[in-house]
Amino acid sequence: MPDQFVKFPRPESITFFENAMKYHSRVNECKYLSQSYYEIYRDELPTIRVFVSNYYALSVSDYYDIVTDYKIDCLVTISNWNKVTQDAYELGKNNGVGVFTMSEFSGALNYERPCEYIRPIDRDDNDGIVSGFGRFH
């Protein structure tokens, strides 16, 4: 995968993100700050800052790569096939930063503090559900 498609997503992925924010029931405005960096104004909830990436398996080192350069509340890896490592998820959660796949982020937008959102795979009652995309067979 070319380097420019690791930290920063492809243009069509950014368009997908912006459209998803436009139609999310909690989002009033998605303000572009800089490449892959947004401020999200939410209905009856605090504004959050989000960095959108395309890390294939978003890791602890990827997390540090972003948080050293950006003030964020959420770090999202955009592509459907991308994942977040458990260590990166827990590190972010412990530091007040939600680290999510796009589908997880969509659910976390409904929380006052998105970092408090519990991913489906981490729920006690997940019954095999993985990131909201179905069950193990």
N, C-alpha and C. Protein backbone atom coordinates (compact mmCIF):
# COMPACT_ATOMS: atom_id res chain seq x y z
N MET A 1 0.85 -1.17 0.00
CA MET A 1 0.00 0.00 0.00
C MET A 1 0.89 1.24 0.00
N PRO A 2 0.70 2.19 -0.92
CA PRO A 2 1.53 3.38 -0.96
C PRO A 2 1.41 4.19 0.33
N ASP A 3 2.51 4.83 0.75
CA ASP A 3 2.53 5.58 1.99
C ASP A 3 1.43 6.63 2.08
N GLN A 4 1.13 7.31 0.98
CA GLN A 4 0.12 8.36 1.05
C GLN A 4 -1.27 7.80 1.35
N PHE A 5 -1.45 6.48 1.24
CA PHE A 5 -2.74 5.88 1.54
C PHE A 5 -2.73 5.14 2.87
N VAL A 6 -1.80 5.49 3.73
CA VAL A 6 -1.78 4.89 5.06
C VAL A 6 -2.28 5.91 6.06
N LYS A 7 -1.52 6.97 6.27
CA LYS A 7 -1.95 8.00 7.20
C LYS A 7 -3.16 8.75 6.63
N PHE A 8 -3.08 9.12 5.37
CA PHE A 8 -4.15 9.90 4.74
C PHE A 8 -4.92 9.03 3.75
N PRO A 9 -6.23 9.00 3.90
CA PRO A 9 -7.06 8.18 3.00
C PRO A 9 -7.12 8.71 1.57
N ARG A 10 -7.56 7.86 0.67
CA ARG A 10 -7.79 8.25 -0.72
C ARG A 10 -8.92 9.28 -0.77
N PRO A 11 -8.96 10.11 -1.79
CA PRO A 11 -10.01 11.13 -1.92
C PRO A 11 -11.43 10.56 -1.83
N GLU A 12 -11.67 9.41 -2.44
CA GLU A 12 -13.02 8.83 -2.38
C GLU A 12 -13.39 8.39 -0.97
N SER A 13 -12.40 8.02 -0.17
CA SER A 13 -12.67 7.66 1.23
C SER A 13 -13.03 8.90 2.05
N ILE A 14 -12.35 10.00 1.77
CA ILE A 14 -12.68 11.27 2.44
C ILE A 14 -14.09 11.71 2.05
N THR A 15 -14.45 11.57 0.80
CA THR A 15 -15.80 11.91 0.35
C THR A 15 -16.82 11.05 1.08
N PHE A 16 -16.53 9.76 1.22
CA PHE A 16 -17.41 8.85 1.95
C PHE A 16 -17.59 9.33 3.39
N PHE A 17 -16.48 9.68 4.06
CA PHE A 17 -16.54 10.16 5.43
C PHE A 17 -17.40 11.43 5.53
N GLU A 18 -17.13 12.39 4.68
CA GLU A 18 -17.86 13.66 4.72
C GLU A 18 -19.36 13.44 4.46
N ASN A 19 -19.70 12.56 3.53
CA ASN A 19 -21.11 12.26 3.27
C ASN A 19 -21.76 11.55 4.46
N ALA A 20 -21.03 10.65 5.08
CA ALA A 20 -21.56 9.95 6.25
C ALA A 20 -21.84 10.94 7.37
N MET A 21 -20.98 11.92 7.53
CA MET A 21 -21.19 12.94 8.57
C MET A 21 -22.38 13.83 8.21
N LYS A 22 -22.52 14.13 6.96
CA LYS A 22 -23.63 14.99 6.50
C LYS A 22 -24.99 14.37 6.83
N TYR A 23 -25.07 13.03 6.77
CA TYR A 23 -26.34 12.36 6.97
C TYR A 23 -26.49 11.68 8.33
N HIS A 24 -25.49 11.80 9.20
CA HIS A 24 -25.61 11.21 10.53
C HIS A 24 -26.58 12.05 11.36
N SER A 25 -27.48 11.40 12.08
CA SER A 25 -28.53 12.12 12.81
C SER A 25 -28.00 13.02 13.93
N ARG A 26 -26.81 12.78 14.45
CA ARG A 26 -26.24 13.59 15.53
C ARG A 26 -25.37 14.74 15.03
N VAL A 27 -25.00 14.72 13.78
CA VAL A 27 -24.05 15.70 13.26
C VAL A 27 -24.78 16.90 12.66
N ASN A 28 -24.44 18.08 13.16
CA ASN A 28 -24.98 19.33 12.61
C ASN A 28 -24.07 19.89 11.53
N GLU A 29 -22.76 19.74 11.74
CA GLU A 29 -21.79 20.27 10.78
C GLU A 29 -20.48 19.49 10.91
N CYS A 30 -19.85 19.28 9.78
CA CYS A 30 -18.53 18.65 9.71
C CYS A 30 -17.60 19.68 9.08
N LYS A 31 -16.78 20.29 9.91
CA LYS A 31 -15.91 21.37 9.46
C LYS A 31 -14.51 20.85 9.16
N TYR A 32 -14.06 21.05 7.93
CA TYR A 32 -12.73 20.66 7.49
C TYR A 32 -11.72 21.61 8.13
N LEU A 33 -10.71 21.06 8.84
CA LEU A 33 -9.65 21.87 9.44
C LEU A 33 -8.37 21.81 8.63
N SER A 34 -7.99 20.60 8.23
CA SER A 34 -6.84 20.36 7.37
C SER A 34 -6.94 18.93 6.86
N GLN A 35 -5.98 18.50 6.07
CA GLN A 35 -6.06 17.16 5.47
C GLN A 35 -6.37 16.10 6.52
N SER A 36 -7.50 15.43 6.37
CA SER A 36 -7.96 14.33 7.23
C SER A 36 -8.34 14.77 8.65
N TYR A 37 -8.41 16.04 8.90
CA TYR A 37 -8.65 16.57 10.26
C TYR A 37 -9.91 17.41 10.25
N TYR A 38 -10.87 17.06 11.13
CA TYR A 38 -12.19 17.67 11.13
C TYR A 38 -12.64 18.06 12.54
N GLU A 39 -13.53 19.03 12.57
CA GLU A 39 -14.25 19.37 13.78
C GLU A 39 -15.70 19.01 13.51
N ILE A 40 -16.29 18.21 14.39
CA ILE A 40 -17.65 17.73 14.21
C ILE A 40 -18.54 18.39 15.26
N TYR A 41 -19.52 19.15 14.80
CA TYR A 41 -20.50 19.78 15.67
C TYR A 41 -21.71 18.86 15.74
N ARG A 42 -22.07 18.48 16.97
CA ARG A 42 -23.13 17.49 17.16
C ARG A 42 -24.33 18.07 17.88
N ASP A 43 -25.50 17.56 17.53
CA ASP A 43 -26.76 17.97 18.12
C ASP A 43 -26.79 17.57 19.60
N GLU A 44 -26.90 18.57 20.49
CA GLU A 44 -27.02 18.38 21.94
C GLU A 44 -25.82 17.66 22.57
N LEU A 45 -24.71 17.58 21.88
CA LEU A 45 -23.49 16.95 22.40
C LEU A 45 -22.29 17.85 22.10
N PRO A 46 -21.20 17.68 22.87
CA PRO A 46 -20.03 18.52 22.64
C PRO A 46 -19.41 18.33 21.25
N THR A 47 -18.79 19.37 20.76
CA THR A 47 -18.03 19.33 19.51
C THR A 47 -16.80 18.46 19.74
N ILE A 48 -16.44 17.69 18.71
CA ILE A 48 -15.26 16.83 18.80
C ILE A 48 -14.35 17.07 17.60
N ARG A 49 -13.07 16.76 17.80
CA ARG A 49 -12.09 16.81 16.71
C ARG A 49 -11.71 15.38 16.33
N VAL A 50 -11.69 15.15 15.02
CA VAL A 50 -11.51 13.80 14.49
C VAL A 50 -10.42 13.80 13.43
N PHE A 51 -9.56 12.79 13.48
CA PHE A 51 -8.60 12.55 12.41
C PHE A 51 -9.00 11.26 11.72
N VAL A 52 -9.12 11.32 10.39
CA VAL A 52 -9.51 10.17 9.58
C VAL A 52 -8.27 9.62 8.88
N SER A 53 -7.99 8.35 9.08
CA SER A 53 -6.80 7.72 8.51
C SER A 53 -7.18 6.53 7.65
N ASN A 54 -6.17 5.89 7.09
CA ASN A 54 -6.39 4.67 6.31
C ASN A 54 -5.41 3.59 6.73
N TYR A 55 -5.07 3.55 8.01
CA TYR A 55 -4.18 2.49 8.50
C TYR A 55 -4.88 1.15 8.37
N TYR A 56 -4.22 0.18 7.80
CA TYR A 56 -4.81 -1.15 7.60
C TYR A 56 -5.12 -1.82 8.93
N ALA A 57 -4.17 -1.75 9.86
CA ALA A 57 -4.37 -2.25 11.22
C ALA A 57 -3.84 -1.18 12.16
N LEU A 58 -4.70 -0.24 12.53
CA LEU A 58 -4.30 0.92 13.32
C LEU A 58 -3.70 0.45 14.64
N SER A 59 -2.43 0.77 14.85
CA SER A 59 -1.68 0.26 15.99
C SER A 59 -1.33 1.38 16.98
N VAL A 60 -0.66 1.02 18.05
CA VAL A 60 -0.19 1.99 19.05
C VAL A 60 0.75 3.00 18.41
N SER A 61 1.66 2.55 17.57
CA SER A 61 2.59 3.50 16.93
C SER A 61 1.85 4.46 16.00
N ASP A 62 0.81 3.98 15.31
CA ASP A 62 -0.01 4.85 14.46
C ASP A 62 -0.74 5.88 15.33
N TYR A 63 -1.26 5.43 16.45
CA TYR A 63 -1.94 6.31 17.40
C TYR A 63 -1.01 7.46 17.81
N TYR A 64 0.22 7.11 18.23
CA TYR A 64 1.17 8.14 18.64
C TYR A 64 1.56 9.05 17.49
N ASP A 65 1.64 8.50 16.30
CA ASP A 65 1.96 9.30 15.11
C ASP A 65 0.95 10.43 14.93
N ILE A 66 -0.31 10.15 15.20
CA ILE A 66 -1.37 11.15 15.03
C ILE A 66 -1.46 12.09 16.23
N VAL A 67 -1.50 11.56 17.44
CA VAL A 67 -1.74 12.42 18.61
C VAL A 67 -0.57 13.36 18.91
N THR A 68 0.61 13.07 18.38
CA THR A 68 1.72 14.02 18.57
C THR A 68 1.57 15.22 17.66
N ASP A 69 0.82 15.09 16.57
CA ASP A 69 0.65 16.18 15.61
C ASP A 69 -0.72 16.85 15.64
N TYR A 70 -1.72 16.20 16.23
CA TYR A 70 -3.09 16.72 16.19
C TYR A 70 -3.74 16.61 17.56
N LYS A 71 -4.58 17.59 17.89
CA LYS A 71 -5.40 17.53 19.09
C LYS A 71 -6.72 16.87 18.68
N ILE A 72 -6.94 15.65 19.13
CA ILE A 72 -8.12 14.90 18.67
C ILE A 72 -8.90 14.28 19.83
N ASP A 73 -10.17 14.03 19.54
CA ASP A 73 -11.03 13.26 20.43
C ASP A 73 -11.24 11.87 19.87
N CYS A 74 -11.10 11.73 18.55
CA CYS A 74 -11.31 10.44 17.89
C CYS A 74 -10.32 10.26 16.74
N LEU A 75 -9.89 9.03 16.59
CA LEU A 75 -9.03 8.61 15.48
C LEU A 75 -9.77 7.48 14.77
N VAL A 76 -10.04 7.67 13.48
CA VAL A 76 -10.85 6.73 12.73
C VAL A 76 -10.05 6.17 11.56
N THR A 77 -10.07 4.85 11.39
CA THR A 77 -9.53 4.25 10.18
C THR A 77 -10.72 3.94 9.28
N ILE A 78 -10.68 4.42 8.06
CA ILE A 78 -11.87 4.58 7.24
C ILE A 78 -12.32 3.35 6.44
N SER A 79 -11.42 2.62 5.84
CA SER A 79 -11.82 1.57 4.90
C SER A 79 -12.47 0.38 5.61
N ASN A 80 -13.44 -0.23 4.96
CA ASN A 80 -14.19 -1.33 5.56
C ASN A 80 -13.30 -2.51 5.97
N TRP A 81 -12.21 -2.73 5.29
CA TRP A 81 -11.35 -3.88 5.61
C TRP A 81 -10.33 -3.55 6.69
N ASN A 82 -10.23 -2.27 7.11
CA ASN A 82 -9.27 -1.86 8.14
C ASN A 82 -9.76 -2.27 9.53
N LYS A 83 -8.81 -2.40 10.43
CA LYS A 83 -9.10 -2.79 11.82
C LYS A 83 -8.32 -1.89 12.77
N VAL A 84 -8.66 -1.98 14.05
CA VAL A 84 -7.95 -1.29 15.12
C VAL A 84 -7.42 -2.36 16.06
N THR A 85 -6.13 -2.29 16.42
CA THR A 85 -5.61 -3.28 17.36
C THR A 85 -6.20 -3.01 18.74
N GLN A 86 -6.31 -4.06 19.52
CA GLN A 86 -6.85 -3.93 20.88
C GLN A 86 -6.01 -2.97 21.71
N ASP A 87 -4.68 -3.02 21.55
CA ASP A 87 -3.80 -2.12 22.31
C ASP A 87 -4.04 -0.66 21.97
N ALA A 88 -4.24 -0.35 20.68
CA ALA A 88 -4.49 1.04 20.27
C ALA A 88 -5.85 1.50 20.80
N TYR A 89 -6.84 0.64 20.73
CA TYR A 89 -8.17 0.96 21.25
C TYR A 89 -8.10 1.28 22.74
N GLU A 90 -7.44 0.43 23.51
CA GLU A 90 -7.34 0.62 24.96
C GLU A 90 -6.49 1.83 25.32
N LEU A 91 -5.39 2.05 24.61
CA LEU A 91 -4.55 3.22 24.87
C LEU A 91 -5.35 4.50 24.65
N GLY A 92 -6.05 4.57 23.53
CA GLY A 92 -6.88 5.74 23.26
C GLY A 92 -7.93 5.93 24.34
N LYS A 93 -8.64 4.88 24.66
CA LYS A 93 -9.70 4.95 25.67
C LYS A 93 -9.14 5.47 27.00
N ASN A 94 -7.98 4.97 27.40
CA ASN A 94 -7.35 5.40 28.65
C ASN A 94 -6.90 6.86 28.61
N ASN A 95 -6.70 7.40 27.41
CA ASN A 95 -6.27 8.78 27.25
C ASN A 95 -7.39 9.71 26.77
N GLY A 96 -8.62 9.21 26.77
CA GLY A 96 -9.76 10.03 26.38
C GLY A 96 -9.90 10.23 24.88
N VAL A 97 -9.30 9.33 24.09
CA VAL A 97 -9.39 9.40 22.63
C VAL A 97 -10.05 8.12 22.13
N GLY A 98 -11.14 8.27 21.40
CA GLY A 98 -11.79 7.11 20.80
C GLY A 98 -11.03 6.68 19.56
N VAL A 99 -10.69 5.41 19.46
CA VAL A 99 -9.97 4.87 18.30
C VAL A 99 -10.89 3.82 17.67
N PHE A 100 -11.32 4.11 16.42
CA PHE A 100 -12.40 3.32 15.85
C PHE A 100 -12.22 3.01 14.37
N THR A 101 -12.95 1.98 13.93
CA THR A 101 -13.24 1.81 12.51
C THR A 101 -14.39 2.78 12.20
N MET A 102 -14.70 2.95 10.95
CA MET A 102 -15.77 3.88 10.58
C MET A 102 -17.12 3.47 11.15
N SER A 103 -17.45 2.19 11.09
CA SER A 103 -18.76 1.76 11.61
C SER A 103 -18.83 1.97 13.12
N GLU A 104 -17.75 1.72 13.83
CA GLU A 104 -17.72 1.96 15.28
C GLU A 104 -17.87 3.45 15.58
N PHE A 105 -17.19 4.28 14.79
CA PHE A 105 -17.25 5.72 14.99
C PHE A 105 -18.68 6.23 14.83
N SER A 106 -19.39 5.68 13.88
CA SER A 106 -20.78 6.07 13.65
C SER A 106 -21.61 5.88 14.92
N GLY A 107 -21.40 4.79 15.63
CA GLY A 107 -22.08 4.56 16.90
C GLY A 107 -21.57 5.47 18.00
N ALA A 108 -20.27 5.70 18.04
CA ALA A 108 -19.65 6.52 19.08
C ALA A 108 -20.09 7.98 19.00
N LEU A 109 -20.50 8.43 17.84
CA LEU A 109 -20.96 9.81 17.69
C LEU A 109 -22.17 10.12 18.58
N ASN A 110 -22.86 9.10 19.01
CA ASN A 110 -24.04 9.28 19.86
C ASN A 110 -23.70 9.44 21.34
N TYR A 111 -22.44 9.32 21.70
CA TYR A 111 -22.00 9.41 23.08
C TYR A 111 -21.41 10.79 23.36
N GLU A 112 -21.69 11.33 24.55
CA GLU A 112 -21.12 12.62 24.93
C GLU A 112 -19.60 12.58 24.80
N ARG A 113 -19.00 11.52 25.32
CA ARG A 113 -17.56 11.30 25.18
C ARG A 113 -17.39 10.03 24.34
N PRO A 114 -17.12 10.19 23.05
CA PRO A 114 -17.03 9.01 22.17
C PRO A 114 -16.07 7.93 22.67
N CYS A 115 -15.04 8.31 23.42
CA CYS A 115 -14.09 7.31 23.91
C CYS A 115 -14.74 6.33 24.88
N GLU A 116 -15.94 6.64 25.38
CA GLU A 116 -16.65 5.74 26.30
C GLU A 116 -17.49 4.69 25.56
N TYR A 117 -17.59 4.85 24.25
CA TYR A 117 -18.31 3.86 23.44
C TYR A 117 -17.59 2.52 23.52
N ILE A 118 -18.35 1.46 23.72
CA ILE A 118 -17.77 0.12 23.76
C ILE A 118 -18.07 -0.56 22.43
N ARG A 119 -17.00 -0.92 21.74
CA ARG A 119 -17.16 -1.56 20.43
C ARG A 119 -17.93 -2.87 20.57
N PRO A 120 -18.71 -3.24 19.56
CA PRO A 120 -19.47 -4.50 19.64
C PRO A 120 -18.60 -5.70 19.99
N ILE A 121 -17.40 -5.76 19.46
CA ILE A 121 -16.54 -6.91 19.72
C ILE A 121 -16.09 -6.98 21.19
N ASP A 122 -16.14 -5.85 21.90
CA ASP A 122 -15.71 -5.80 23.30
C ASP A 122 -16.87 -5.90 24.29
N ARG A 123 -18.08 -6.02 23.79
CA ARG A 123 -19.24 -6.10 24.68
C ARG A 123 -19.40 -7.51 25.22
N ASP A 124 -19.83 -7.59 26.47
CA ASP A 124 -20.05 -8.90 27.10
C ASP A 124 -21.11 -9.71 26.37
N ASP A 125 -22.07 -9.04 25.76
CA ASP A 125 -23.17 -9.74 25.10
C ASP A 125 -23.02 -9.78 23.58
N ASN A 126 -21.78 -9.69 23.09
CA ASN A 126 -21.58 -9.56 21.64
C ASN A 126 -22.01 -10.79 20.85
N ASP A 127 -22.05 -11.94 21.47
CA ASP A 127 -22.56 -13.16 20.81
C ASP A 127 -21.94 -13.37 19.43
N GLY A 128 -20.64 -13.04 19.31
CA GLY A 128 -19.95 -13.27 18.04
C GLY A 128 -20.05 -12.14 17.06
N ILE A 129 -20.69 -11.03 17.41
CA ILE A 129 -20.80 -9.90 16.49
C ILE A 129 -19.43 -9.23 16.38
N VAL A 130 -19.03 -8.95 15.17
CA VAL A 130 -17.75 -8.31 14.93
C VAL A 130 -17.99 -6.97 14.24
N SER A 131 -17.69 -5.88 14.93
CA SER A 131 -17.77 -4.53 14.38
C SER A 131 -19.10 -4.24 13.68
N GLY A 132 -20.17 -4.85 14.14
CA GLY A 132 -21.48 -4.56 13.58
C GLY A 132 -21.74 -5.14 12.20
N PHE A 133 -20.87 -6.01 11.70
CA PHE A 133 -21.03 -6.53 10.35
C PHE A 133 -21.51 -7.98 10.31
N GLY A 134 -21.95 -8.52 11.43
CA GLY A 134 -22.48 -9.87 11.38
C GLY A 134 -21.84 -10.79 12.39
N ARG A 135 -22.16 -12.04 12.28
CA ARG A 135 -21.71 -13.05 13.25
C ARG A 135 -20.68 -13.98 12.60
N PHE A 136 -19.91 -14.60 13.49
CA PHE A 136 -19.00 -15.64 13.01
C PHE A 136 -19.82 -16.83 12.57
N HIS A 137 -19.39 -17.50 11.54
CA HIS A 137 -20.09 -18.71 11.09
C HIS A 137 -19.17 -19.89 11.18
